[in-house]
Amino acid sequence: MPTVVITGANRGIGLALCQDYVKNGWHVLALCRKSSAELAATGAQIFSGIDLKNVHSLTQLVQELKHQPIDILINNAGILRPEHLGNLDTASITEQFLVNALAPIKVAEAFLPLLNPGAKVAFITSRMGSIADNTSGGYYGYRMSKAALNAGAKSFCEDVKSRQIAVAILHPGYVQTAMVNFGGDISAEVAAGRLALRISQLNMDNTGLFWHSNGEVLPW
């Protein structure tokens, strides 16, 4: 049975991804700070208490899983804080950098020894990290952190090509989750299905691209 690791698995897109992969016969390792009844109901193997800002917790987890080969790693966890010019909170912006930009790269680095040859790594980012696509401003911490994630994910992609590991940098769409007060235009289930499809189509020929979950290649 193939194995997928999903971060931020207790709700929203992460939960929907767990449900999708379990339904399709995958062994799902679900990582989260705190589990949920919905996540428990999926039958995924849950690892709660995982704080992505704490490198030590990642080291412990990888040690625990050292004999578990991984086929797909999905870095999904993220946070959004609505800063605007004139109301820039340094602590909030720093937290977004830690969770949205640095943590996914550290997770990918930590799990690298467990990734099978030909494995895939997906970074769930946002088109709000696109510089070319920014025509509305605002959301400084979120935009900057996602732009930084895009840059880090591209570097990771180049560094793991020799291992035949393919990397997807994926915008899920405007999704109806708590992050946006459920104001999106597609459900988490639809987004998860699209993301899983993009990951299934990922290979060494299209590795490192910045994709919308609907298949559109996005500008950096």
C-alpha atoms as a PDB file:
ATOM      1  CA  MET A   1       0.000   0.000   0.000  1.00  0.00           C
ATOM      2  CA  PRO A   2       1.501   3.382  -0.974  1.00  0.00           C
ATOM      3  CA  THR A   3       2.027   5.927   1.807  1.00  0.00           C
ATOM      4  CA  VAL A   4       1.309   9.655   1.894  1.00  0.00           C
ATOM      5  CA  VAL A   5       2.193  12.165   4.627  1.00  0.00           C
ATOM      6  CA  ILE A   6      -0.123  15.170   4.996  1.00  0.00           C
ATOM      7  CA  THR A   7       0.516  18.112   7.324  1.00  0.00           C
ATOM      8  CA  GLY A   8      -2.265  20.293   8.742  1.00  0.00           C
ATOM      9  CA  ALA A   9      -4.517  17.251   8.468  1.00  0.00           C
ATOM     10  CA  ASN A  10      -7.152  17.937  11.107  1.00  0.00           C
ATOM     11  CA  ARG A  11      -9.413  20.278   9.117  1.00  0.00           C
ATOM     12  CA  GLY A  12      -9.992  22.094   5.851  1.00  0.00           C
ATOM     13  CA  ILE A  13      -7.959  21.079   2.815  1.00  0.00           C
ATOM     14  CA  GLY A  14      -5.703  18.800   4.864  1.00  0.00           C
ATOM     15  CA  LEU A  15      -8.669  16.834   6.194  1.00  0.00           C
ATOM     16  CA  ALA A  16     -10.211  16.600   2.720  1.00  0.00           C
ATOM     17  CA  LEU A  17      -6.894  15.331   1.340  1.00  0.00           C
ATOM     18  CA  CYS A  18      -6.792  12.646   4.045  1.00  0.00           C
ATOM     19  CA  GLN A  19     -10.337  11.583   3.167  1.00  0.00           C
ATOM     20  CA  ASP A  20      -9.508  11.473  -0.559  1.00  0.00           C
ATOM     21  CA  TYR A  21      -6.324   9.433  -0.180  1.00  0.00           C
ATOM     22  CA  VAL A  22      -7.839   6.972   2.328  1.00  0.00           C
ATOM     23  CA  LYS A  23     -10.802   6.453  -0.012  1.00  0.00           C
ATOM     24  CA  ASN A  24      -8.370   5.653  -2.818  1.00  0.00           C
ATOM     25  CA  GLY A  25      -6.512   3.014  -0.838  1.00  0.00           C
ATOM     26  CA  TRP A  26      -3.523   4.943   0.475  1.00  0.00           C
ATOM     27  CA  HIS A  27      -1.878   4.565   3.868  1.00  0.00           C
ATOM     28  CA  VAL A  28      -2.240   8.114   5.216  1.00  0.00           C
ATOM     29  CA  LEU A  29       0.047   9.535   7.893  1.00  0.00           C
ATOM     30  CA  ALA A  30      -1.842  12.585   9.167  1.00  0.00           C
ATOM     31  CA  LEU A  31       0.193  15.243  10.986  1.00  0.00           C
ATOM     32  CA  CYS A  32      -1.428  17.961  13.090  1.00  0.00           C
ATOM     33  CA  ARG A  33      -1.079  19.938  16.282  1.00  0.00           C
ATOM     34  CA  LYS A  34      -4.446  18.704  17.544  1.00  0.00           C
ATOM     35  CA  SER A  35      -6.602  15.986  16.019  1.00  0.00           C
ATOM     36  CA  SER A  36     -10.338  16.213  15.321  1.00  0.00           C
ATOM     37  CA  ALA A  37     -13.271  13.803  15.322  1.00  0.00           C
ATOM     38  CA  GLU A  38     -13.485  14.217  11.550  1.00  0.00           C
ATOM     39  CA  LEU A  39      -9.850  13.226  11.119  1.00  0.00           C
ATOM     40  CA  ALA A  40     -10.198  10.236  13.454  1.00  0.00           C
ATOM     41  CA  ALA A  41     -13.161   9.055  11.368  1.00  0.00           C
ATOM     42  CA  THR A  42     -10.994   8.805   8.236  1.00  0.00           C
ATOM     43  CA  GLY A  43      -8.975   5.875   9.550  1.00  0.00           C
ATOM     44  CA  ALA A  44      -5.716   7.681   8.849  1.00  0.00           C
ATOM     45  CA  GLN A  45      -2.751   7.072  11.143  1.00  0.00           C
ATOM     46  CA  ILE A  46      -2.707  10.254  13.205  1.00  0.00           C
ATOM     47  CA  PHE A  47       0.329  11.985  14.695  1.00  0.00           C
ATOM     48  CA  SER A  48      -0.911  14.864  16.844  1.00  0.00           C
ATOM     49  CA  GLY A  49       1.159  17.310  18.864  1.00  0.00           C
ATOM     50  CA  ILE A  50       3.289  18.128  15.818  1.00  0.00           C
ATOM     51  CA  ASP A  51       4.254  21.795  16.013  1.00  0.00           C
ATOM     52  CA  LEU A  52       5.870  22.727  12.709  1.00  0.00           C
ATOM     53  CA  LYS A  53       7.674  25.619  14.374  1.00  0.00           C
ATOM     54  CA  ASN A  54       9.473  23.089  16.596  1.00  0.00           C
ATOM     55  CA  VAL A  55      12.276  21.306  14.751  1.00  0.00           C
ATOM     56  CA  HIS A  56      12.701  18.930  17.695  1.00  0.00           C
ATOM     57  CA  SER A  57       9.189  17.541  17.234  1.00  0.00           C
ATOM     58  CA  LEU A  58       9.987  16.829  13.575  1.00  0.00           C
ATOM     59  CA  THR A  59      13.209  15.038  14.502  1.00  0.00           C
ATOM     60  CA  GLN A  60      11.346  12.838  16.965  1.00  0.00           C
ATOM     61  CA  LEU A  61       8.650  12.015  14.417  1.00  0.00           C
ATOM     62  CA  VAL A  62      11.086  11.065  11.659  1.00  0.00           C
ATOM     63  CA  GLN A  63      12.964   8.863  14.107  1.00  0.00           C
ATOM     64  CA  GLU A  64       9.679   7.165  15.008  1.00  0.00           C
ATOM     65  CA  LEU A  65       8.928   6.599  11.313  1.00  0.00           C
ATOM     66  CA  LYS A  66      12.459   5.636  10.263  1.00  0.00           C
ATOM     67  CA  HIS A  67      11.338   2.282   8.839  1.00  0.00           C
ATOM     68  CA  GLN A  68       8.336   3.751   6.979  1.00  0.00           C
ATOM     69  CA  PRO A  69       9.066   4.566   3.322  1.00  0.00           C
ATOM     70  CA  ILE A  70       7.082   7.537   1.963  1.00  0.00           C
ATOM     71  CA  ASP A  71       5.715   7.898  -1.563  1.00  0.00           C
ATOM     72  CA  ILE A  72       4.119  11.365  -1.311  1.00  0.00           C
ATOM     73  CA  LEU A  73       4.707  14.223   1.127  1.00  0.00           C
ATOM     74  CA  ILE A  74       2.114  17.016   1.102  1.00  0.00           C
ATOM     75  CA  ASN A  75       3.088  20.180   2.958  1.00  0.00           C
ATOM     76  CA  ASN A  76      -0.363  21.643   3.509  1.00  0.00           C
ATOM     77  CA  ALA A  77      -0.287  23.397   6.902  1.00  0.00           C
ATOM     78  CA  GLY A  78      -0.402  27.195   6.845  1.00  0.00           C
ATOM     79  CA  ILE A  79      -1.811  30.294   8.536  1.00  0.00           C
ATOM     80  CA  LEU A  80      -3.156  33.640   7.315  1.00  0.00           C
ATOM     81  CA  ARG A  81      -3.223  36.941   9.198  1.00  0.00           C
ATOM     82  CA  PRO A  82      -4.781  40.009   7.487  1.00  0.00           C
ATOM     83  CA  GLU A  83      -2.159  42.752   7.882  1.00  0.00           C
ATOM     84  CA  HIS A  84      -2.569  45.930   5.883  1.00  0.00           C
ATOM     85  CA  LEU A  85      -0.367  48.994   5.434  1.00  0.00           C
ATOM     86  CA  GLY A  86      -0.534  51.063   8.604  1.00  0.00           C
ATOM     87  CA  ASN A  87      -1.231  47.953  10.680  1.00  0.00           C
ATOM     88  CA  LEU A  88       1.843  45.775  10.188  1.00  0.00           C
ATOM     89  CA  ASP A  89       2.435  43.459  13.134  1.00  0.00           C
ATOM     90  CA  THR A  90       6.032  42.214  13.151  1.00  0.00           C
ATOM     91  CA  ALA A  91       5.268  39.243  15.404  1.00  0.00           C
ATOM     92  CA  SER A  92       2.375  38.139  13.208  1.00  0.00           C
ATOM     93  CA  ILE A  93       4.401  38.458  10.008  1.00  0.00           C
ATOM     94  CA  THR A  94       7.288  36.536  11.576  1.00  0.00           C
ATOM     95  CA  GLU A  95       4.930  33.747  12.648  1.00  0.00           C
ATOM     96  CA  GLN A  96       3.600  33.467   9.098  1.00  0.00           C
ATOM     97  CA  PHE A  97       7.140  33.200   7.755  1.00  0.00           C
ATOM     98  CA  LEU A  98       7.909  30.422  10.235  1.00  0.00           C
ATOM     99  CA  VAL A  99       4.743  28.405   9.526  1.00  0.00           C
ATOM    100  CA  ASN A 100       4.166  29.123   5.831  1.00  0.00           C
ATOM    101  CA  ALA A 101       7.699  29.387   4.445  1.00  0.00           C
ATOM    102  CA  LEU A 102      10.333  27.849   6.693  1.00  0.00           C
ATOM    103  CA  ALA A 103       8.371  24.964   8.235  1.00  0.00           C
ATOM    104  CA  PRO A 104       7.419  23.271   4.929  1.00  0.00           C
ATOM    105  CA  ILE A 105      11.040  23.301   3.791  1.00  0.00           C
ATOM    106  CA  LYS A 106      12.181  21.920   7.154  1.00  0.00           C
ATOM    107  CA  VAL A 107       9.515  19.206   6.955  1.00  0.00           C
ATOM    108  CA  ALA A 108      10.665  18.263   3.463  1.00  0.00           C
ATOM    109  CA  GLU A 109      14.284  18.193   4.611  1.00  0.00           C
ATOM    110  CA  ALA A 110      13.432  16.078   7.650  1.00  0.00           C
ATOM    111  CA  PHE A 111      11.452  13.516   5.638  1.00  0.00           C
ATOM    112  CA  LEU A 112      13.932  13.346   2.761  1.00  0.00           C
ATOM    113  CA  PRO A 113      15.687  10.190   4.076  1.00  0.00           C
ATOM    114  CA  LEU A 114      12.313   8.394   4.140  1.00  0.00           C
ATOM    115  CA  LEU A 115      11.238   9.302   0.604  1.00  0.00           C
ATOM    116  CA  ASN A 116      11.204   6.399  -1.842  1.00  0.00           C
ATOM    117  CA  PRO A 117      13.043   6.719  -5.168  1.00  0.00           C
ATOM    118  CA  GLY A 118      10.568   8.405  -7.481  1.00  0.00           C
ATOM    119  CA  ALA A 119       8.651   9.952  -4.573  1.00  0.00           C
ATOM    120  CA  LYS A 120       6.706  13.204  -4.900  1.00  0.00           C
ATOM    121  CA  VAL A 121       6.638  16.293  -2.687  1.00  0.00           C
ATOM    122  CA  ALA A 122       3.843  18.862  -2.889  1.00  0.00           C
ATOM    123  CA  PHE A 123       3.952  22.317  -1.348  1.00  0.00           C
ATOM    124  CA  ILE A 124       0.493  23.868  -0.926  1.00  0.00           C
ATOM    125  CA  THR A 125       1.137  27.547  -1.508  1.00  0.00           C
ATOM    126  CA  SER A 126      -1.056  30.382  -2.818  1.00  0.00           C
ATOM    127  CA  ARG A 127      -1.274  32.564  -5.887  1.00  0.00           C
ATOM    128  CA  MET A 128      -1.119  35.386  -3.317  1.00  0.00           C
ATOM    129  CA  GLY A 129       2.597  34.592  -3.279  1.00  0.00           C
ATOM    130  CA  SER A 130       2.828  35.525  -6.956  1.00  0.00           C
ATOM    131  CA  ILE A 131       4.458  38.911  -7.520  1.00  0.00           C
ATOM    132  CA  ALA A 132       3.185  39.195 -11.087  1.00  0.00           C
ATOM    133  CA  ASP A 133      -0.374  38.367 -10.014  1.00  0.00           C
ATOM    134  CA  ASN A 134      -0.535  40.902  -7.143  1.00  0.00           C
ATOM    135  CA  THR A 135      -2.889  43.697  -8.220  1.00  0.00           C
ATOM    136  CA  SER A 136      -4.648  44.331  -4.902  1.00  0.00           C
ATOM    137  CA  GLY A 137      -1.909  44.678  -2.256  1.00  0.00           C
ATOM    138  CA  GLY A 138      -2.442  44.021   1.446  1.00  0.00           C
ATOM    139  CA  TYR A 139      -1.887  40.786   3.377  1.00  0.00           C
ATOM    140  CA  TYR A 140       1.814  41.520   3.715  1.00  0.00           C
ATOM    141  CA  GLY A 141       2.796  38.617   5.934  1.00  0.00           C
ATOM    142  CA  TYR A 142       0.839  36.036   3.976  1.00  0.00           C
ATOM    143  CA  ARG A 143       1.946  37.264   0.558  1.00  0.00           C
ATOM    144  CA  MET A 144       5.615  37.535   1.557  1.00  0.00           C
ATOM    145  CA  SER A 145       5.625  34.157   3.305  1.00  0.00           C
ATOM    146  CA  LYS A 146       4.045  32.380   0.342  1.00  0.00           C
ATOM    147  CA  ALA A 147       6.477  34.064  -2.078  1.00  0.00           C
ATOM    148  CA  ALA A 148       9.289  32.830   0.166  1.00  0.00           C
ATOM    149  CA  LEU A 149       7.772  29.330   0.175  1.00  0.00           C
ATOM    150  CA  ASN A 150       7.670  29.363  -3.631  1.00  0.00           C
ATOM    151  CA  ALA A 151      11.360  30.284  -3.726  1.00  0.00           C
ATOM    152  CA  GLY A 152      12.286  27.642  -1.161  1.00  0.00           C
ATOM    153  CA  ALA A 153      10.227  24.953  -2.881  1.00  0.00           C
ATOM    154  CA  LYS A 154      11.937  25.715  -6.211  1.00  0.00           C
ATOM    155  CA  SER A 155      15.356  25.377  -4.591  1.00  0.00           C
ATOM    156  CA  PHE A 156      14.280  22.100  -2.962  1.00  0.00           C
ATOM    157  CA  CYS A 157      13.101  20.903  -6.371  1.00  0.00           C
ATOM    158  CA  GLU A 158      16.500  21.567  -7.944  1.00  0.00           C
ATOM    159  CA  ASP A 159      18.334  19.912  -5.045  1.00  0.00           C
ATOM    160  CA  VAL A 160      16.371  16.638  -5.207  1.00  0.00           C
ATOM    161  CA  LYS A 161      16.298  16.150  -8.989  1.00  0.00           C
ATOM    162  CA  SER A 162      19.262  13.794  -8.781  1.00  0.00           C
ATOM    163  CA  ARG A 163      17.146  11.558  -6.505  1.00  0.00           C
ATOM    164  CA  GLN A 164      14.346  11.498  -9.096  1.00  0.00           C
ATOM    165  CA  ILE A 165      11.973  13.198  -6.636  1.00  0.00           C
ATOM    166  CA  ALA A 166       9.381  15.396  -8.351  1.00  0.00           C
ATOM    167  CA  VAL A 167       8.065  18.581  -6.715  1.00  0.00           C
ATOM    168  CA  ALA A 168       4.747  20.374  -7.190  1.00  0.00           C
ATOM    169  CA  ILE A 169       4.100  23.949  -6.033  1.00  0.00           C
ATOM    170  CA  LEU A 170       0.308  24.147  -5.848  1.00  0.00           C
ATOM    171  CA  HIS A 171      -2.330  26.841  -5.357  1.00  0.00           C
ATOM    172  CA  PRO A 172      -5.521  25.078  -4.187  1.00  0.00           C
ATOM    173  CA  GLY A 173      -7.933  27.761  -5.373  1.00  0.00           C
ATOM    174  CA  TYR A 174     -10.181  30.009  -3.285  1.00  0.00           C
ATOM    175  CA  VAL A 175     -11.398  27.335  -0.909  1.00  0.00           C
ATOM    176  CA  GLN A 176     -14.255  27.409   1.601  1.00  0.00           C
ATOM    177  CA  THR A 177     -12.234  26.948   4.792  1.00  0.00           C
ATOM    178  CA  ALA A 178     -11.995  28.606   8.189  1.00  0.00           C
ATOM    179  CA  MET A 179      -8.904  30.482   6.953  1.00  0.00           C
ATOM    180  CA  VAL A 180     -11.135  32.677   4.767  1.00  0.00           C
ATOM    181  CA  ASN A 181     -14.269  32.452   6.937  1.00  0.00           C
ATOM    182  CA  PHE A 182     -15.697  29.915   4.479  1.00  0.00           C
ATOM    183  CA  GLY A 183     -16.001  32.574   1.786  1.00  0.00           C
ATOM    184  CA  GLY A 184     -14.336  30.612  -1.012  1.00  0.00           C
ATOM    185  CA  ASP A 185     -15.815  29.521  -4.319  1.00  0.00           C
ATOM    186  CA  ILE A 186     -14.981  25.791  -4.144  1.00  0.00           C
ATOM    187  CA  SER A 187     -15.282  23.266  -1.328  1.00  0.00           C
ATOM    188  CA  ALA A 188     -12.314  21.687   0.417  1.00  0.00           C
ATOM    189  CA  GLU A 189     -13.358  18.359  -1.116  1.00  0.00           C
ATOM    190  CA  VAL A 190     -13.224  19.763  -4.655  1.00  0.00           C
ATOM    191  CA  ALA A 191      -9.860  21.382  -3.966  1.00  0.00           C
ATOM    192  CA  ALA A 192      -8.477  18.141  -2.516  1.00  0.00           C
ATOM    193  CA  GLY A 193      -9.591  16.163  -5.556  1.00  0.00           C
ATOM    194  CA  ARG A 194      -7.951  18.659  -7.897  1.00  0.00           C
ATOM    195  CA  LEU A 195      -4.740  18.714  -5.866  1.00  0.00           C
ATOM    196  CA  ALA A 196      -4.564  14.917  -5.763  1.00  0.00           C
ATOM    197  CA  LEU A 197      -5.011  14.851  -9.545  1.00  0.00           C
ATOM    198  CA  ARG A 198      -2.205  17.371 -10.055  1.00  0.00           C
ATOM    199  CA  ILE A 199       0.056  15.289  -7.794  1.00  0.00           C
ATOM    200  CA  SER A 200      -0.822  12.097  -9.673  1.00  0.00           C
ATOM    201  CA  GLN A 201       0.218  13.836 -12.915  1.00  0.00           C
ATOM    202  CA  LEU A 202       3.490  15.091 -11.426  1.00  0.00           C
ATOM    203  CA  ASN A 203       6.698  13.727 -12.944  1.00  0.00           C
ATOM    204  CA  MET A 204      10.270  14.732 -13.667  1.00  0.00           C
ATOM    205  CA  ASP A 205       9.217  16.556 -16.831  1.00  0.00           C
ATOM    206  CA  ASN A 206       6.881  18.998 -15.044  1.00  0.00           C
ATOM    207  CA  THR A 207       8.627  19.145 -11.670  1.00  0.00           C
ATOM    208  CA  GLY A 208       9.077  22.577 -10.105  1.00  0.00           C
ATOM    209  CA  LEU A 209       6.156  24.331 -11.791  1.00  0.00           C
ATOM    210  CA  PHE A 210       3.734  26.660  -9.966  1.00  0.00           C
ATOM    211  CA  TRP A 211       0.254  25.266 -10.614  1.00  0.00           C
ATOM    212  CA  HIS A 212      -3.329  26.222  -9.877  1.00  0.00           C
ATOM    213  CA  SER A 213      -5.230  23.118  -8.789  1.00  0.00           C
ATOM    214  CA  ASN A 214      -7.358  23.488 -11.937  1.00  0.00           C
ATOM    215  CA  GLY A 215      -4.275  22.781 -14.057  1.00  0.00           C
ATOM    216  CA  GLU A 216      -3.328  26.353 -14.973  1.00  0.00           C
ATOM    217  CA  VAL A 217       0.369  27.242 -14.711  1.00  0.00           C
ATOM    218  CA  LEU A 218       0.652  30.415 -12.616  1.00  0.00           C
ATOM    219  CA  PRO A 219       3.135  33.292 -12.939  1.00  0.00           C
ATOM    220  CA  TRP A 220       5.774  33.734 -10.263  1.00  0.00           C
END
